[in-house]
């Protein structure tokens, strides 16, 4: 944030700041919002985080072992974000979402099982008819891991069914 904008915000709020004082941007934002003054620098503070996307992010990070910014970079691409949102918003049982990394290491979503996986993947299947909401995300989704080798995946599935 530039010094001029910061000084303007401080003057508008009529609150002198000492040089050693820690600036609480959340407090400045709330007080400026109460007075009807919302600046562009505070726009990101108004954006709410979608708990459904956070759940998918958390499950994917645990399964695929990647950093949080990889999922966030995927959501910056509108086409990839629309694939995920269409999965969450459509009605019907059996909707499928597969997340895996491509050869460049980018996270890519699919609406069906990909023909070839370069590495491990994770799938989400809808088990309810309604669109997925923050209230029904735990009961409405089943997730699991995908191996890059179909035979290895079949072996894991059959071992789980036989021994458990």
Protein backbone atom coordinates (compact mmCIF):
# COMPACT_ATOMS: atom_id res chain seq x y z
CA UNK A 1 0.00 0.00 0.00
CA UNK A 2 1.45 3.36 -0.91
CA UNK A 3 2.28 5.87 1.81
CA UNK A 4 -0.11 8.49 0.42
CA UNK A 5 -3.12 6.15 0.56
CA UNK A 6 -2.16 5.01 4.05
CA UNK A 7 -1.92 8.61 5.28
CA UNK A 8 -5.27 9.37 3.68
CA UNK A 9 -6.89 6.45 5.49
CA UNK A 10 -5.38 7.51 8.80
CA UNK A 11 -6.52 11.12 8.34
CA UNK A 12 -10.02 10.06 7.37
CA UNK A 13 -10.36 7.93 10.44
CA UNK A 14 -9.04 10.75 12.64
CA UNK A 15 -6.88 8.41 14.59
CA UNK A 16 -3.27 9.41 14.99
CA UNK A 17 -0.84 6.53 14.69
CA UNK A 18 2.51 6.37 16.37
CA UNK A 19 5.41 5.09 14.33
CA UNK A 20 5.91 2.12 16.65
CA UNK A 21 2.22 1.16 16.65
CA UNK A 22 1.27 -2.01 14.83
CA UNK A 23 -1.26 -1.25 12.10
CA UNK A 24 -4.40 -3.35 12.23
CA UNK A 25 -5.73 -3.25 8.66
CA UNK A 26 -8.87 -5.14 9.69
CA UNK A 27 -9.72 -2.40 12.20
CA UNK A 28 -9.07 0.35 9.63
CA UNK A 29 -11.25 -1.48 7.12
CA UNK A 30 -14.14 -1.92 9.57
CA UNK A 31 -14.06 1.69 10.70
CA UNK A 32 -13.84 3.00 7.12
CA UNK A 33 -16.72 0.73 6.11
CA UNK A 34 -18.85 2.09 8.98
CA UNK A 35 -18.32 5.60 7.61
CA UNK A 36 -19.17 4.55 4.06
CA UNK A 37 -15.57 4.69 2.85
CA UNK A 38 -14.44 1.47 1.23
CA UNK A 39 -11.20 1.68 -0.70
CA UNK A 40 -9.93 -0.61 -3.46
CA UNK A 41 -7.07 -1.74 -1.26
CA UNK A 42 -9.55 -3.45 1.04
CA UNK A 43 -11.55 -5.30 -1.63
CA UNK A 44 -9.86 -8.64 -0.91
CA UNK A 45 -10.98 -8.46 2.71
CA UNK A 46 -14.63 -8.54 1.61
CA UNK A 47 -14.29 -11.72 -0.44
CA UNK A 48 -15.59 -14.75 1.40
CA UNK A 49 -13.87 -18.10 1.11
CA UNK A 50 -16.11 -20.85 -0.22
CA UNK A 51 -16.07 -23.68 2.37
CA UNK A 52 -16.77 -26.24 -0.35
CA UNK A 53 -13.61 -25.25 -2.22
CA UNK A 54 -11.67 -25.25 1.04
CA UNK A 55 -12.86 -28.81 1.72
CA UNK A 56 -11.80 -29.96 -1.75
CA UNK A 57 -8.48 -28.19 -1.26
CA UNK A 58 -7.87 -29.83 2.11
CA UNK A 59 -8.69 -33.33 0.85
CA UNK A 60 -6.56 -32.84 -2.26
CA UNK A 61 -3.59 -31.53 -0.27
CA UNK A 62 -3.72 -34.52 2.08
CA UNK A 63 -3.96 -37.01 -0.73
CA UNK A 64 -1.66 -35.52 -3.37
CA UNK A 65 0.85 -33.84 -1.00
CA UNK A 66 1.13 -30.42 -2.64
CA UNK A 67 1.28 -26.87 -1.31
CA UNK A 68 -1.87 -24.75 -0.88
CA UNK A 69 -0.87 -22.28 -3.58
CA UNK A 70 -1.12 -24.98 -6.28
CA UNK A 71 -4.87 -25.32 -5.69
CA UNK A 72 -5.26 -21.53 -5.56
CA UNK A 73 -3.39 -21.15 -8.88
CA UNK A 74 -5.75 -23.68 -10.44
CA UNK A 75 -8.75 -21.62 -9.29
CA UNK A 76 -7.33 -18.53 -11.02
CA UNK A 77 -7.97 -20.17 -14.41
CA UNK A 78 -11.67 -19.63 -15.16
CA UNK A 79 -12.10 -22.80 -17.25
CA UNK A 80 -10.68 -25.01 -14.50
CA UNK A 81 -12.66 -23.25 -11.78
CA UNK A 82 -15.87 -23.65 -13.82
CA UNK A 83 -15.32 -27.42 -13.99
CA UNK A 84 -15.22 -27.59 -10.20
CA UNK A 85 -18.14 -25.20 -9.70
CA UNK A 86 -20.30 -27.04 -12.24
CA UNK A 87 -19.63 -30.27 -10.33
CA UNK A 88 -20.73 -28.61 -7.08
CA UNK A 89 -23.80 -26.85 -8.52
CA UNK A 90 -25.31 -29.58 -10.72
CA UNK A 91 -28.05 -31.82 -9.43
CA UNK A 92 -27.94 -35.58 -9.69
CA UNK A 93 -26.29 -38.54 -8.08
CA UNK A 94 -23.02 -39.85 -9.44
CA UNK A 95 -21.37 -36.61 -10.47
CA UNK A 96 -17.63 -37.10 -10.74
CA UNK A 97 -14.66 -34.79 -10.20
CA UNK A 98 -11.08 -36.00 -10.60
CA UNK A 99 -8.08 -33.86 -9.62
CA UNK A 100 -4.57 -34.77 -10.74
CA UNK A 101 -1.32 -33.14 -11.77
CA UNK A 102 -0.27 -32.82 -15.39
CA UNK A 103 3.29 -33.21 -16.71
CA UNK A 104 4.15 -29.60 -15.78
CA UNK A 105 3.02 -30.16 -12.17
CA UNK A 106 -0.16 -28.10 -12.46
CA UNK A 107 -3.35 -29.32 -10.80
CA UNK A 108 -6.04 -30.15 -13.39
CA UNK A 109 -9.72 -31.08 -12.72
CA UNK A 110 -11.66 -33.54 -14.91
CA UNK A 111 -15.37 -34.36 -15.11
CA UNK A 112 -14.60 -37.98 -16.01
CA UNK A 113 -11.78 -40.44 -15.46
CA UNK A 114 -8.77 -39.37 -17.55
CA UNK A 115 -7.32 -41.86 -20.01
CA UNK A 116 -3.80 -41.43 -18.68
CA UNK A 117 -2.67 -40.18 -15.30
CA UNK A 118 0.91 -38.98 -14.92
CA UNK A 119 0.81 -39.42 -11.16
CA UNK A 120 -1.54 -39.96 -8.30
CA UNK A 121 -5.03 -38.43 -8.39
CA UNK A 122 -8.06 -37.97 -6.18
CA UNK A 123 -11.72 -38.38 -7.11
CA UNK A 124 -14.94 -37.02 -5.61
CA UNK A 125 -18.34 -38.62 -6.29
CA UNK A 126 -21.68 -37.04 -5.38
CA UNK A 127 -23.98 -39.25 -3.32
CA UNK A 128 -26.95 -36.89 -3.04
CA UNK A 129 -29.31 -35.46 -5.63
CA UNK A 130 -29.09 -31.82 -4.50
CA UNK A 131 -26.23 -29.48 -5.36
CA UNK A 132 -23.36 -29.59 -2.88
CA UNK A 133 -23.66 -26.88 -0.23
CA UNK A 134 -21.52 -26.09 2.83
CA UNK A 135 -24.12 -27.90 4.97
CA UNK A 136 -24.15 -31.20 3.07
CA UNK A 137 -20.58 -31.45 1.80
CA UNK A 138 -19.54 -34.15 4.28
CA UNK A 139 -22.57 -36.33 3.64
CA UNK A 140 -22.83 -35.57 -0.06
CA UNK A 141 -19.34 -36.47 -1.26
CA UNK A 142 -17.23 -39.60 -1.30
CA UNK A 143 -13.55 -39.23 -2.10
CA UNK A 144 -10.74 -41.63 -2.82
CA UNK A 145 -7.28 -41.92 -4.31
CA UNK A 146 -6.46 -42.87 -7.87
CA UNK A 147 -3.26 -44.59 -8.85
CA UNK A 148 -1.47 -43.85 -12.10
CA UNK A 149 -1.59 -47.56 -12.88
CA UNK A 150 -5.07 -49.10 -13.36
CA UNK A 151 -3.85 -52.58 -12.37
CA UNK A 152 -2.38 -51.26 -9.14
CA UNK A 153 -5.67 -49.49 -8.43
CA UNK A 154 -7.62 -52.70 -9.05
CA UNK A 155 -5.30 -54.61 -6.71
CA UNK A 156 -5.84 -52.04 -3.94
CA UNK A 157 -9.63 -52.13 -4.35
CA UNK A 158 -9.81 -55.91 -4.31
CA UNK A 159 -7.46 -56.15 -1.30
CA UNK A 160 -9.67 -53.71 0.61
CA UNK A 161 -12.81 -55.68 -0.24
CA UNK A 162 -11.36 -59.10 0.57
CA UNK A 163 -9.55 -58.30 3.80
CA UNK A 164 -11.93 -55.81 5.43
